[in-house]
Amino acid sequence: TVIAFLSEDHFTAASEALSADPGFSDAIANVELSVQFDVTGIESGDVTYYFKVADGNVETGLGSLQGADVTVGSDYETSQAISKGELNVQMAFMTGKIKVGGNMAKIMMHQNVLNEYARVLSGLDIEY
């Protein structure tokens, strides 16, 4: 089944893939982190989604997250490149393609969680 990028189905598939991935499970052990992503420049309107890690579980979906530790903003093109595995999160940040707000120390401390999140999601069959 082909899944539309940033759709409800995308996040359902993402949740299942993340929960089933041993590398991601290892990365989130003993981590509490919540990140909200704001993606702009989409014809149908901006999209906000989140992921939250606590107690060894992950939750991801469309919508905003009250009290997120970190917010990450990017345009659609950047979000798509990260999703495809063509652009890594650190490079996107260093080149100004993503803007990060909130608890920078926490996001730096848990970069591996973001990297694992991106790795797992890049394996999904997504239609852009």
PDB file of N, CA and C in Angstrom:
ATOM      1  N   THR A   1       0.846  -1.184   0.000  1.00  0.00           N
ATOM      2  CA  THR A   1       0.000   0.000   0.000  1.00  0.00           C
ATOM      3  C   THR A   1       0.888   1.243   0.000  1.00  0.00           C
ATOM      4  N   VAL A   2       0.606   2.132  -0.935  1.00  0.00           N
ATOM      5  CA  VAL A   2       1.359   3.378  -0.997  1.00  0.00           C
ATOM      6  C   VAL A   2       0.693   4.382  -0.068  1.00  0.00           C
ATOM      7  N   ILE A   3       1.507   5.090   0.691  1.00  0.00           N
ATOM      8  CA  ILE A   3       1.010   5.998   1.719  1.00  0.00           C
ATOM      9  C   ILE A   3       1.363   7.432   1.343  1.00  0.00           C
ATOM     10  N   ALA A   4       0.392   8.334   1.414  1.00  0.00           N
ATOM     11  CA  ALA A   4       0.642   9.747   1.104  1.00  0.00           C
ATOM     12  C   ALA A   4       1.450  10.394   2.228  1.00  0.00           C
ATOM     13  N   PHE A   5       2.469  11.145   1.839  1.00  0.00           N
ATOM     14  CA  PHE A   5       3.346  11.843   2.784  1.00  0.00           C
ATOM     15  C   PHE A   5       2.539  12.798   3.661  1.00  0.00           C
ATOM     16  N   LEU A   6       2.798  12.771   4.951  1.00  0.00           N
ATOM     17  CA  LEU A   6       2.166  13.635   5.954  1.00  0.00           C
ATOM     18  C   LEU A   6       0.652  13.449   6.070  1.00  0.00           C
ATOM     19  N   SER A   7       0.170  12.255   5.712  1.00  0.00           N
ATOM     20  CA  SER A   7      -1.258  11.942   5.852  1.00  0.00           C
ATOM     21  C   SER A   7      -1.478  11.185   7.160  1.00  0.00           C
ATOM     22  N   GLU A   8      -2.730  11.006   7.530  1.00  0.00           N
ATOM     23  CA  GLU A   8      -3.065  10.212   8.722  1.00  0.00           C
ATOM     24  C   GLU A   8      -2.482   8.802   8.583  1.00  0.00           C
ATOM     25  N   ASP A   9      -2.596   8.220   7.370  1.00  0.00           N
ATOM     26  CA  ASP A   9      -2.048   6.880   7.116  1.00  0.00           C
ATOM     27  C   ASP A   9      -0.533   6.839   7.318  1.00  0.00           C
ATOM     28  N   HIS A  10       0.143   7.922   6.939  1.00  0.00           N
ATOM     29  CA  HIS A  10       1.596   8.021   7.113  1.00  0.00           C
ATOM     30  C   HIS A  10       1.956   7.851   8.589  1.00  0.00           C
ATOM     31  N   PHE A  11       1.218   8.529   9.466  1.00  0.00           N
ATOM     32  CA  PHE A  11       1.551   8.474  10.891  1.00  0.00           C
ATOM     33  C   PHE A  11       1.110   7.169  11.550  1.00  0.00           C
ATOM     34  N   THR A  12       0.056   6.549  11.026  1.00  0.00           N
ATOM     35  CA  THR A  12      -0.342   5.221  11.510  1.00  0.00           C
ATOM     36  C   THR A  12       0.760   4.216  11.172  1.00  0.00           C
ATOM     37  N   ALA A  13       1.230   4.255   9.922  1.00  0.00           N
ATOM     38  CA  ALA A  13       2.308   3.354   9.493  1.00  0.00           C
ATOM     39  C   ALA A  13       3.595   3.655  10.257  1.00  0.00           C
ATOM     40  N   ALA A  14       3.856   4.935  10.501  1.00  0.00           N
ATOM     41  CA  ALA A  14       5.058   5.336  11.240  1.00  0.00           C
ATOM     42  C   ALA A  14       5.027   4.775  12.658  1.00  0.00           C
ATOM     43  N   SER A  15       3.890   4.898  13.327  1.00  0.00           N
ATOM     44  CA  SER A  15       3.760   4.378  14.697  1.00  0.00           C
ATOM     45  C   SER A  15       4.043   2.884  14.745  1.00  0.00           C
ATOM     46  N   GLU A  16       3.461   2.154  13.791  1.00  0.00           N
ATOM     47  CA  GLU A  16       3.657   0.701  13.744  1.00  0.00           C
ATOM     48  C   GLU A  16       5.123   0.352  13.491  1.00  0.00           C
ATOM     49  N   ALA A  17       5.747   1.052  12.524  1.00  0.00           N
ATOM     50  CA  ALA A  17       7.142   0.771  12.175  1.00  0.00           C
ATOM     51  C   ALA A  17       8.083   1.112  13.332  1.00  0.00           C
ATOM     52  N   LEU A  18       7.836   2.244  13.986  1.00  0.00           N
ATOM     53  CA  LEU A  18       8.683   2.658  15.111  1.00  0.00           C
ATOM     54  C   LEU A  18       8.570   1.679  16.269  1.00  0.00           C
ATOM     55  N   SER A  19       7.353   1.265  16.582  1.00  0.00           N
ATOM     56  CA  SER A  19       7.130   0.345  17.701  1.00  0.00           C
ATOM     57  C   SER A  19       7.772  -1.013  17.451  1.00  0.00           C
ATOM     58  N   ALA A  20       7.880  -1.412  16.177  1.00  0.00           N
ATOM     59  CA  ALA A  20       8.410  -2.731  15.829  1.00  0.00           C
ATOM     60  C   ALA A  20       9.923  -2.736  15.608  1.00  0.00           C
ATOM     61  N   ASP A  21      10.560  -1.569  15.621  1.00  0.00           N
ATOM     62  CA  ASP A  21      11.975  -1.487  15.268  1.00  0.00           C
ATOM     63  C   ASP A  21      12.878  -1.579  16.509  1.00  0.00           C
ATOM     64  N   PRO A  22      13.719  -2.630  16.590  1.00  0.00           N
ATOM     65  CA  PRO A  22      14.576  -2.790  17.769  1.00  0.00           C
ATOM     66  C   PRO A  22      15.581  -1.647  17.950  1.00  0.00           C
ATOM     67  N   GLY A  23      16.120  -1.112  16.863  1.00  0.00           N
ATOM     68  CA  GLY A  23      17.074   0.001  16.955  1.00  0.00           C
ATOM     69  C   GLY A  23      16.428   1.238  17.546  1.00  0.00           C
ATOM     70  N   PHE A  24      15.181   1.503  17.140  1.00  0.00           N
ATOM     71  CA  PHE A  24      14.466   2.655  17.691  1.00  0.00           C
ATOM     72  C   PHE A  24      14.135   2.401  19.158  1.00  0.00           C
ATOM     73  N   SER A  25      13.701   1.180  19.462  1.00  0.00           N
ATOM     74  CA  SER A  25      13.388   0.829  20.858  1.00  0.00           C
ATOM     75  C   SER A  25      14.596   1.026  21.761  1.00  0.00           C
ATOM     76  N   ASP A  26      15.773   0.617  21.285  1.00  0.00           N
ATOM     77  CA  ASP A  26      17.001   0.810  22.064  1.00  0.00           C
ATOM     78  C   ASP A  26      17.287   2.295  22.268  1.00  0.00           C
ATOM     79  N   ALA A  27      17.084   3.092  21.208  1.00  0.00           N
ATOM     80  CA  ALA A  27      17.387   4.527  21.272  1.00  0.00           C
ATOM     81  C   ALA A  27      16.494   5.268  22.266  1.00  0.00           C
ATOM     82  N   ILE A  28      15.247   4.796  22.435  1.00  0.00           N
ATOM     83  CA  ILE A  28      14.314   5.533  23.305  1.00  0.00           C
ATOM     84  C   ILE A  28      14.261   5.007  24.736  1.00  0.00           C
ATOM     85  N   ALA A  29      15.037   3.963  25.024  1.00  0.00           N
ATOM     86  CA  ALA A  29      15.055   3.441  26.399  1.00  0.00           C
ATOM     87  C   ALA A  29      15.489   4.555  27.347  1.00  0.00           C
ATOM     88  N   ASN A  30      14.725   4.768  28.401  1.00  0.00           N
ATOM     89  CA  ASN A  30      15.030   5.787  29.416  1.00  0.00           C
ATOM     90  C   ASN A  30      15.058   7.220  28.882  1.00  0.00           C
ATOM     91  N   VAL A  31      14.357   7.478  27.773  1.00  0.00           N
ATOM     92  CA  VAL A  31      14.307   8.832  27.209  1.00  0.00           C
ATOM     93  C   VAL A  31      12.889   9.363  27.319  1.00  0.00           C
ATOM     94  N   GLU A  32      12.777  10.629  27.682  1.00  0.00           N
ATOM     95  CA  GLU A  32      11.504  11.342  27.598  1.00  0.00           C
ATOM     96  C   GLU A  32      11.755  12.541  26.719  1.00  0.00           C
ATOM     97  N   LEU A  33      11.045  12.608  25.592  1.00  0.00           N
ATOM     98  CA  LEU A  33      11.268  13.667  24.618  1.00  0.00           C
ATOM     99  C   LEU A  33       9.992  13.887  23.829  1.00  0.00           C
ATOM    100  N   SER A  34       9.641  15.144  23.620  1.00  0.00           N
ATOM    101  CA  SER A  34       8.488  15.444  22.773  1.00  0.00           C
ATOM    102  C   SER A  34       8.882  16.528  21.781  1.00  0.00           C
ATOM    103  N   VAL A  35       8.566  16.281  20.511  1.00  0.00           N
ATOM    104  CA  VAL A  35       8.957  17.181  19.431  1.00  0.00           C
ATOM    105  C   VAL A  35       7.747  17.463  18.553  1.00  0.00           C
ATOM    106  N   GLN A  36       7.544  18.742  18.259  1.00  0.00           N
ATOM    107  CA  GLN A  36       6.490  19.142  17.326  1.00  0.00           C
ATOM    108  C   GLN A  36       7.164  19.649  16.055  1.00  0.00           C
ATOM    109  N   PHE A  37       6.656  19.194  14.908  1.00  0.00           N
ATOM    110  CA  PHE A  37       7.181  19.601  13.608  1.00  0.00           C
ATOM    111  C   PHE A  37       6.139  20.455  12.899  1.00  0.00           C
ATOM    112  N   ASP A  38       6.573  21.598  12.378  1.00  0.00           N
ATOM    113  CA  ASP A  38       5.696  22.472  11.604  1.00  0.00           C
ATOM    114  C   ASP A  38       6.254  22.539  10.192  1.00  0.00           C
ATOM    115  N   VAL A  39       5.471  22.049   9.225  1.00  0.00           N
ATOM    116  CA  VAL A  39       5.912  22.006   7.837  1.00  0.00           C
ATOM    117  C   VAL A  39       5.102  23.023   7.038  1.00  0.00           C
ATOM    118  N   THR A  40       5.811  23.928   6.372  1.00  0.00           N
ATOM    119  CA  THR A  40       5.164  24.989   5.596  1.00  0.00           C
ATOM    120  C   THR A  40       5.406  24.785   4.103  1.00  0.00           C
ATOM    121  N   GLY A  41       4.708  25.583   3.305  1.00  0.00           N
ATOM    122  CA  GLY A  41       4.921  25.554   1.863  1.00  0.00           C
ATOM    123  C   GLY A  41       4.222  24.403   1.165  1.00  0.00           C
ATOM    124  N   ILE A  42       3.115  23.955   1.731  1.00  0.00           N
ATOM    125  CA  ILE A  42       2.337  22.870   1.125  1.00  0.00           C
ATOM    126  C   ILE A  42       1.090  23.498   0.514  1.00  0.00           C
ATOM    127  N   GLU A  43       0.780  23.131  -0.733  1.00  0.00           N
ATOM    128  CA  GLU A  43      -0.370  23.718  -1.432  1.00  0.00           C
ATOM    129  C   GLU A  43      -1.659  23.607  -0.631  1.00  0.00           C
ATOM    130  N   SER A  44      -1.876  22.465   0.000  1.00  0.00           N
ATOM    131  CA  SER A  44      -3.129  22.229   0.729  1.00  0.00           C
ATOM    132  C   SER A  44      -3.137  22.874   2.112  1.00  0.00           C
ATOM    133  N   GLY A  45      -2.028  23.500   2.502  1.00  0.00           N
ATOM    134  CA  GLY A  45      -1.949  24.144   3.814  1.00  0.00           C
ATOM    135  C   GLY A  45      -0.850  23.537   4.665  1.00  0.00           C
ATOM    136  N   ASP A  46      -0.400  24.294   5.641  1.00  0.00           N
ATOM    137  CA  ASP A  46       0.682  23.842   6.521  1.00  0.00           C
ATOM    138  C   ASP A  46       0.251  22.605   7.314  1.00  0.00           C
ATOM    139  N   VAL A  47       1.220  21.781   7.670  1.00  0.00           N
ATOM    140  CA  VAL A  47       0.950  20.564   8.436  1.00  0.00           C
ATOM    141  C   VAL A  47       1.781  20.593   9.719  1.00  0.00           C
ATOM    142  N   THR A  48       1.136  20.255  10.816  1.00  0.00           N
ATOM    143  CA  THR A  48       1.821  20.120  12.097  1.00  0.00           C
ATOM    144  C   THR A  48       1.673  18.676  12.550  1.00  0.00           C
ATOM    145  N   TYR A  49       2.788  18.089  12.957  1.00  0.00           N
ATOM    146  CA  TYR A  49       2.751  16.735  13.504  1.00  0.00           C
ATOM    147  C   TYR A  49       3.743  16.645  14.651  1.00  0.00           C
ATOM    148  N   TYR A  50       3.726  15.539  15.355  1.00  0.00           N
ATOM    149  CA  TYR A  50       4.557  15.418  16.551  1.00  0.00           C
ATOM    150  C   TYR A  50       5.017  13.987  16.750  1.00  0.00           C
ATOM    151  N   PHE A  51       6.034  13.858  17.578  1.00  0.00           N
ATOM    152  CA  PHE A  51       6.306  12.554  18.159  1.00  0.00           C
ATOM    153  C   PHE A  51       6.712  12.760  19.600  1.00  0.00           C
ATOM    154  N   LYS A  52       6.307  11.795  20.402  1.00  0.00           N
ATOM    155  CA  LYS A  52       6.514  11.868  21.844  1.00  0.00           C
ATOM    156  C   LYS A  52       7.009  10.508  22.313  1.00  0.00           C
ATOM    157  N   VAL A  53       8.082  10.529  23.088  1.00  0.00           N
ATOM    158  CA  VAL A  53       8.675   9.317  23.623  1.00  0.00           C
ATOM    159  C   VAL A  53       8.624   9.403  25.145  1.00  0.00           C
ATOM    160  N   ALA A  54       8.111   8.364  25.776  1.00  0.00           N
ATOM    161  CA  ALA A  54       8.082   8.285  27.242  1.00  0.00           C
ATOM    162  C   ALA A  54       7.882   6.830  27.645  1.00  0.00           C
ATOM    163  N   ASP A  55       8.553   6.417  28.692  1.00  0.00           N
ATOM    164  CA  ASP A  55       8.398   5.068  29.245  1.00  0.00           C
ATOM    165  C   ASP A  55       8.603   3.969  28.203  1.00  0.00           C
ATOM    166  N   GLY A  56       9.524   4.186  27.257  1.00  0.00           N
ATOM    167  CA  GLY A  56       9.817   3.175  26.246  1.00  0.00           C
ATOM    168  C   GLY A  56       8.785   3.066  25.146  1.00  0.00           C
ATOM    169  N   ASN A  57       7.826   3.997  25.112  1.00  0.00           N
ATOM    170  CA  ASN A  57       6.791   3.994  24.075  1.00  0.00           C
ATOM    171  C   ASN A  57       6.909   5.235  23.213  1.00  0.00           C
ATOM    172  N   VAL A  58       6.393   5.134  21.993  1.00  0.00           N
ATOM    173  CA  VAL A  58       6.393   6.277  21.083  1.00  0.00           C
ATOM    174  C   VAL A  58       4.974   6.535  20.608  1.00  0.00           C
ATOM    175  N   GLU A  59       4.668   7.790  20.453  1.00  0.00           N
ATOM    176  CA  GLU A  59       3.375   8.212  19.917  1.00  0.00           C
ATOM    177  C   GLU A  59       3.694   9.246  18.846  1.00  0.00           C
ATOM    178  N   THR A  60       3.117   9.110  17.661  1.00  0.00           N
ATOM    179  CA  THR A  60       3.332  10.088  16.602  1.00  0.00           C
ATOM    180  C   THR A  60       2.027  10.287  15.865  1.00  0.00           C
ATOM    181  N   GLY A  61       1.765  11.505  15.418  1.00  0.00           N
ATOM    182  CA  GLY A  61       0.517  11.767  14.717  1.00  0.00           C
ATOM    183  C   GLY A  61       0.407  13.205  14.265  1.00  0.00           C
ATOM    184  N   LEU A  62      -0.680  13.474  13.578  1.00  0.00           N
ATOM    185  CA  LEU A  62      -0.965  14.832  13.115  1.00  0.00           C
ATOM    186  C   LEU A  62      -1.449  15.675  14.277  1.00  0.00           C
ATOM    187  N   GLY A  63      -1.159  16.955  14.232  1.00  0.00           N
ATOM    188  CA  GLY A  63      -1.640  17.880  15.240  1.00  0.00           C
ATOM    189  C   GLY A  63      -0.514  18.447  16.072  1.00  0.00           C
ATOM    190  N   SER A  64      -0.872  19.362  16.974  1.00  0.00           N
ATOM    191  CA  SER A  64       0.146  19.980  17.823  1.00  0.00           C
ATOM    192  C   SER A  64       0.247  19.250  19.143  1.00  0.00           C
ATOM    193  N   LEU A  65       1.314  19.537  19.824  1.00  0.00           N
ATOM    194  CA  LEU A  65       1.596  18.886  21.094  1.00  0.00           C
ATOM    195  C   LEU A  65       1.810  19.968  22.138  1.00  0.00           C
ATOM    196  N   GLN A  66       0.878  20.053  23.080  1.00  0.00           N
ATOM    197  CA  GLN A  66       1.002  21.036  24.162  1.00  0.00           C
ATOM    198  C   GLN A  66       2.280  20.776  24.943  1.00  0.00           C
ATOM    199  N   GLY A  67       3.056  21.818  25.174  1.00  0.00           N
ATOM    200  CA  GLY A  67       4.249  21.689  26.003  1.00  0.00           C
ATOM    201  C   GLY A  67       5.365  20.863  25.409  1.00  0.00           C
ATOM    202  N   ALA A  68       5.457  20.816  24.072  1.00  0.00           N
ATOM    203  CA  ALA A  68       6.543  20.059  23.431  1.00  0.00           C
ATOM    204  C   ALA A  68       7.898  20.593  23.895  1.00  0.00           C
ATOM    205  N   ASP A  69       8.851  19.689  24.106  1.00  0.00           N
ATOM    206  CA  ASP A  69      10.204  20.097  24.497  1.00  0.00           C
ATOM    207  C   ASP A  69      10.846  20.950  23.410  1.00  0.00           C
ATOM    208  N   VAL A  70      10.594  20.568  22.168  1.00  0.00           N
ATOM    209  CA  VAL A  70      11.261  21.179  21.031  1.00  0.00           C
ATOM    210  C   VAL A  70      10.264  21.352  19.893  1.00  0.00           C
ATOM    211  N   THR A  71      10.404  22.442  19.141  1.00  0.00           N
ATOM    212  CA  THR A  71       9.643  22.600  17.905  1.00  0.00           C
ATOM    213  C   THR A  71      10.642  22.687  16.757  1.00  0.00           C
ATOM    214  N   VAL A  72      10.307  22.026  15.665  1.00  0.00           N
ATOM    215  CA  VAL A  72      11.161  22.007  14.487  1.00  0.00           C
ATOM    216  C   VAL A  72      10.334  22.513  13.315  1.00  0.00           C
ATOM    217  N   GLY A  73      10.810  23.561  12.671  1.00  0.00           N
ATOM    218  CA  GLY A  73      10.106  24.117  11.520  1.00  0.00           C
ATOM    219  C   GLY A  73      10.917  23.928  10.258  1.00  0.00           C
ATOM    220  N   SER A  74      10.230  23.557   9.179  1.00  0.00           N
ATOM    221  CA  SER A  74      10.910  23.421   7.887  1.00  0.00           C
ATOM    222  C   SER A  74       9.895  23.597   6.776  1.00  0.00           C
ATOM    223  N   ASP A  75      10.412  23.770   5.558  1.00  0.00           N
ATOM    224  CA  ASP A  75       9.499  23.802   4.427  1.00  0.00           C
ATOM    225  C   ASP A  75       9.269  22.364   3.941  1.00  0.00           C
ATOM    226  N   TYR A  76       8.304  22.224   3.050  1.00  0.00           N
ATOM    227  CA  TYR A  76       7.907  20.903   2.562  1.00  0.00           C
ATOM    228  C   TYR A  76       9.080  20.169   1.903  1.00  0.00           C
ATOM    229  N   GLU A  77       9.835  20.887   1.084  1.00  0.00           N
ATOM    230  CA  GLU A  77      10.954  20.288   0.352  1.00  0.00           C
ATOM    231  C   GLU A  77      11.986  19.674   1.311  1.00  0.00           C
ATOM    232  N   THR A  78      12.312  20.404   2.366  1.00  0.00           N
ATOM    233  CA  THR A  78      13.272  19.916   3.363  1.00  0.00           C
ATOM    234  C   THR A  78      12.717  18.709   4.106  1.00  0.00           C
ATOM    235  N   SER A  79      11.462  18.801   4.509  1.00  0.00           N
ATOM    236  CA  SER A  79      10.817  17.701   5.228  1.00  0.00           C
ATOM    237  C   SER A  79      10.803  16.435   4.370  1.00  0.00           C
ATOM    238  N   GLN A  80      10.519  16.608   3.097  1.00  0.00           N
ATOM    239  CA  GLN A  80      10.493  15.491   2.153  1.00  0.00           C
ATOM    240  C   GLN A  80      11.896  14.882   2.007  1.00  0.00           C
ATOM    241  N   ALA A  81      12.927  15.707   1.875  1.00  0.00           N
ATOM    242  CA  ALA A  81      14.304  15.212   1.718  1.00  0.00           C
ATOM    243  C   ALA A  81      14.749  14.430   2.956  1.00  0.00           C
ATOM    244  N   ILE A  82      14.373  14.916   4.144  1.00  0.00           N
ATOM    245  CA  ILE A  82      14.706  14.198   5.383  1.00  0.00           C
ATOM    246  C   ILE A  82      13.957  12.867   5.419  1.00  0.00           C
ATOM    247  N   SER A  83      12.676  12.894   5.046  1.00  0.00           N
ATOM    248  CA  SER A  83      11.855  11.686   5.050  1.00  0.00           C
ATOM    249  C   SER A  83      12.404  10.618   4.102  1.00  0.00           C
ATOM    250  N   LYS A  84      12.930  11.046   2.964  1.00  0.00           N
ATOM    251  CA  LYS A  84      13.478  10.106   1.980  1.00  0.00           C
ATOM    252  C   LYS A  84      14.871   9.612   2.367  1.00  0.00           C
ATOM    253  N   GLY A  85      15.458  10.220   3.409  1.00  0.00           N
ATOM    254  CA  GLY A  85      16.810   9.848   3.803  1.00  0.00           C
ATOM    255  C   GLY A  85      17.879  10.535   2.967  1.00  0.00           C
ATOM    256  N   GLU A  86      17.495  11.560   2.189  1.00  0.00           N
ATOM    257  CA  GLU A  86      18.446  12.273   1.333  1.00  0.00           C
ATOM    258  C   GLU A  86      19.166  13.400   2.081  1.00  0.00           C
ATOM    259  N   LEU A  87      18.595  13.826   3.200  1.00  0.00           N
ATOM    260  CA  LEU A  87      19.171  14.928   3.977  1.00  0.00           C
ATOM    261  C   LEU A  87      19.138  14.542   5.444  1.00  0.00           C
ATOM    262  N   ASN A  88      20.267  14.675   6.121  1.00  0.00           N
ATOM    263  CA  ASN A  88      20.250  14.320   7.532  1.00  0.00           C
ATOM    264  C   ASN A  88      19.885  15.534   8.375  1.00  0.00           C
ATOM    265  N   VAL A  89      19.282  15.265   9.518  1.00  0.00           N
ATOM    266  CA  VAL A  89      18.715  16.308  10.378  1.00  0.00           C
ATOM    267  C   VAL A  89      19.785  17.324  10.799  1.00  0.00           C
ATOM    268  N   GLN A  90      20.969  16.848  11.180  1.00  0.00           N
ATOM    269  CA  GLN A  90      22.029  17.766  11.619  1.00  0.00           C
ATOM    270  C   GLN A  90      22.452  18.695  10.485  1.00  0.00           C
ATOM    271  N   MET A  91      22.595  18.148   9.270  1.00  0.00           N
ATOM    272  CA  MET A  91      22.992  18.964   8.123  1.00  0.00           C
ATOM    273  C   MET A  91      21.904  19.992   7.814  1.00  0.00           C
ATOM    274  N   ALA A  92      20.658  19.574   7.896  1.00  0.00           N
ATOM    275  CA  ALA A  92      19.546  20.498   7.648  1.00  0.00           C
ATOM    276  C   ALA A  92      19.583  21.654   8.647  1.00  0.00           C
ATOM    277  N   PHE A  93      19.889  21.344   9.899  1.00  0.00           N
ATOM    278  CA  PHE A  93      19.974  22.377  10.935  1.00  0.00           C
ATOM    279  C   PHE A  93      21.155  23.311  10.675  1.00  0.00           C
ATOM    280  N   MET A  94      22.317  22.725  10.395  1.00  0.00           N
ATOM    281  CA  MET A  94      23.529  23.532  10.209  1.00  0.00           C
ATOM    282  C   MET A  94      23.440  24.435   8.982  1.00  0.00           C
ATOM    283  N   THR A  95      22.665  24.030   7.984  1.00  0.00           N
ATOM    284  CA  THR A  95      22.535  24.841   6.770  1.00  0.00           C
ATOM    285  C   THR A  95      21.310  25.751   6.814  1.00  0.00           C
ATOM    286  N   GLY A  96      20.621  25.778   7.953  1.00  0.00           N
ATOM    287  CA  GLY A  96      19.487  26.689   8.108  1.00  0.00           C
ATOM    288  C   GLY A  96      18.201  26.225   7.448  1.00  0.00           C
ATOM    289  N   LYS A  97      18.156  24.967   7.003  1.00  0.00           N
ATOM    290  CA  LYS A  97      16.943  24.456   6.350  1.00  0.00           C
ATOM    291  C   LYS A  97      15.853  24.106   7.354  1.00  0.00           C
ATOM    292  N   ILE A  98      16.239  23.867   8.601  1.00  0.00           N
ATOM    293  CA  ILE A  98      15.242  23.693   9.661  1.00  0.00           C
ATOM    294  C   ILE A  98      15.557  24.669  10.788  1.00  0.00           C
ATOM    295  N   LYS A  99      14.506  25.118  11.431  1.00  0.00           N
ATOM    296  CA  LYS A  99      14.629  26.012  12.584  1.00  0.00           C
ATOM    297  C   LYS A  99      14.175  25.228  13.809  1.00  0.00           C
ATOM    298  N   VAL A 100      14.979  25.283  14.853  1.00  0.00           N
ATOM    299  CA  VAL A 100      14.662  24.540  16.066  1.00  0.00           C
ATOM    300  C   VAL A 100      14.459  25.518  17.211  1.00  0.00           C
ATOM    301  N   GLY A 101      13.366  25.320  17.959  1.00  0.00           N
ATOM    302  CA  GLY A 101      13.092  26.155  19.119  1.00  0.00           C
ATOM    303  C   GLY A 101      12.845  25.285  20.335  1.00  0.00           C
ATOM    304  N   GLY A 102      12.942  25.887  21.496  1.00  0.00           N
ATOM    305  CA  GLY A 102      12.680  25.130  22.720  1.00  0.00           C
ATOM    306  C   GLY A 102      13.965  24.702  23.396  1.00  0.00           C
ATOM    307  N   ASN A 103      13.938  23.529  23.985  1.00  0.00           N
ATOM    308  CA  ASN A 103      15.031  23.016  24.800  1.00  0.00           C
ATOM    309  C   ASN A 103      16.145  22.425  23.924  1.00  0.00           C
ATOM    310  N   MET A 104      17.068  23.291  23.509  1.00  0.00           N
ATOM    311  CA  MET A 104      18.152  22.860  22.616  1.00  0.00           C
ATOM    312  C   MET A 104      19.051  21.803  23.270  1.00  0.00           C
ATOM    313  N   ALA A 105      19.299  21.934  24.571  1.00  0.00           N
ATOM    314  CA  ALA A 105      20.157  20.960  25.256  1.00  0.00           C
ATOM    315  C   ALA A 105      19.547  19.564  25.171  1.00  0.00           C
ATOM    316  N   LYS A 106      18.236  19.490  25.339  1.00  0.00           N
ATOM    317  CA  LYS A 106      17.553  18.192  25.322  1.00  0.00           C
ATOM    318  C   LYS A 106      17.626  17.564  23.931  1.00  0.00           C
ATOM    319  N   ILE A 107      17.434  18.372  22.894  1.00  0.00           N
ATOM    320  CA  ILE A 107      17.463  17.826  21.534  1.00  0.00           C
ATOM    321  C   ILE A 107      18.890  17.395  21.170  1.00  0.00           C
ATOM    322  N   MET A 108      19.887  18.149  21.619  1.00  0.00           N
ATOM    323  CA  MET A 108      21.275  17.773  21.335  1.00  0.00           C
ATOM    324  C   MET A 108      21.624  16.461  22.052  1.00  0.00           C
ATOM    325  N   MET A 109      21.126  16.324  23.267  1.00  0.00           N
ATOM    326  CA  MET A 109      21.401  15.129  24.055  1.00  0.00           C
ATOM    327  C   MET A 109      20.755  13.881  23.431  1.00  0.00           C
ATOM    328  N   HIS A 110      19.666  14.074  22.703  1.00  0.00           N
ATOM    329  CA  HIS A 110      18.924  12.937  22.143  1.00  0.00           C
ATOM    330  C   HIS A 110      18.908  12.939  20.614  1.00  0.00           C
ATOM    331  N   GLN A 111      19.986  13.426  19.995  1.00  0.00           N
ATOM    332  CA  GLN A 111      20.082  13.417  18.533  1.00  0.00           C
ATOM    333  C   GLN A 111      19.890  12.024  17.959  1.00  0.00           C
ATOM    334  N   ASN A 112      20.407  11.015  18.673  1.00  0.00           N
ATOM    335  CA  ASN A 112      20.283   9.635  18.185  1.00  0.00           C
ATOM    336  C   ASN A 112      18.822   9.224  18.033  1.00  0.00           C
ATOM    337  N   VAL A 113      17.939   9.748  18.895  1.00  0.00           N
ATOM    338  CA  VAL A 113      16.510   9.419  18.794  1.00  0.00           C
ATOM    339  C   VAL A 113      15.951   9.993  17.493  1.00  0.00           C
ATOM    340  N   LEU A 114      16.290  11.250  17.188  1.00  0.00           N
ATOM    341  CA  LEU A 114      15.838  11.860  15.930  1.00  0.00           C
ATOM    342  C   LEU A 114      16.400  11.109  14.730  1.00  0.00           C
ATOM    343  N   ASN A 115      17.669  10.723  14.802  1.00  0.00           N
ATOM    344  CA  ASN A 115      18.280   9.978  13.700  1.00  0.00           C
ATOM    345  C   ASN A 115      17.592   8.636  13.485  1.00  0.00           C
ATOM    346  N   GLU A 116      17.297   7.932  14.567  1.00  0.00           N
ATOM    347  CA  GLU A 116      16.609   6.641  14.468  1.00  0.00           C
ATOM    348  C   GLU A 116      15.180   6.825  13.949  1.00  0.00           C
ATOM    349  N   TYR A 117      14.502   7.878  14.413  1.00  0.00           N
ATOM    350  CA  TYR A 117      13.146   8.203  13.939  1.00  0.00           C
ATOM    351  C   TYR A 117      13.180   8.396  12.420  1.00  0.00           C
ATOM    352  N   ALA A 118      14.122   9.203  11.942  1.00  0.00           N
ATOM    353  CA  ALA A 118      14.244   9.467  10.504  1.00  0.00           C
ATOM    354  C   ALA A 118      14.601   8.190   9.743  1.00  0.00           C
ATOM    355  N   ARG A 119      15.487   7.365  10.305  1.00  0.00           N
ATOM    356  CA  ARG A 119      15.893   6.118   9.640  1.00  0.00           C
ATOM    357  C   ARG A 119      14.702   5.189   9.445  1.00  0.00           C
ATOM    358  N   VAL A 120      13.921   4.996  10.503  1.00  0.00           N
ATOM    359  CA  VAL A 120      12.774   4.086  10.417  1.00  0.00           C
ATOM    360  C   VAL A 120      11.754   4.620   9.413  1.00  0.00           C
ATOM    361  N   LEU A 121      11.451   5.912   9.485  1.00  0.00           N
ATOM    362  CA  LEU A 121      10.448   6.483   8.590  1.00  0.00           C
ATOM    363  C   LEU A 121      10.894   6.485   7.132  1.00  0.00           C
ATOM    364  N   SER A 122      12.204   6.571   6.883  1.00  0.00           N
ATOM    365  CA  SER A 122      12.682   6.558   5.496  1.00  0.00           C
ATOM    366  C   SER A 122      12.454   5.196   4.840  1.00  0.00           C
ATOM    367  N   GLY A 123      12.180   4.162   5.648  1.00  0.00           N
ATOM    368  CA  GLY A 123      11.902   2.831   5.113  1.00  0.00           C
ATOM    369  C   GLY A 123      10.453   2.609   4.701  1.00  0.00           C
ATOM    370  N   LEU A 124       9.581   3.579   4.982  1.00  0.00           N
ATOM    371  CA  LEU A 124       8.171   3.437   4.611  1.00  0.00           C
ATOM    372  C   LEU A 124       7.983   3.703   3.118  1.00  0.00           C
ATOM    373  N   ASP A 125       6.967   3.078   2.522  1.00  0.00           N
ATOM    374  CA  ASP A 125       6.656   3.279   1.104  1.00  0.00           C
ATOM    375  C   ASP A 125       5.745   4.501   0.980  1.00  0.00           C
ATOM    376  N   ILE A 126       6.362   5.665   0.806  1.00  0.00           N
ATOM    377  CA  ILE A 126       5.637   6.930   0.830  1.00  0.00           C
ATOM    378  C   ILE A 126       5.517   7.516  -0.572  1.00  0.00           C
ATOM    379  N   GLU A 127       4.361   8.089  -0.851  1.00  0.00           N
ATOM    380  CA  GLU A 127       4.145   8.806  -2.111  1.00  0.00           C
ATOM    381  C   GLU A 127       4.227  10.299  -1.824  1.00  0.00           C
ATOM    382  N   TYR A 128       5.093  10.993  -2.570  1.00  0.00           N
ATOM    383  CA  TYR A 128       5.300  12.426  -2.352  1.00  0.00           C
ATOM    384  C   TYR A 128       4.578  13.255  -3.399  1.00  0.00           C
TER     385      TYR A 128
END
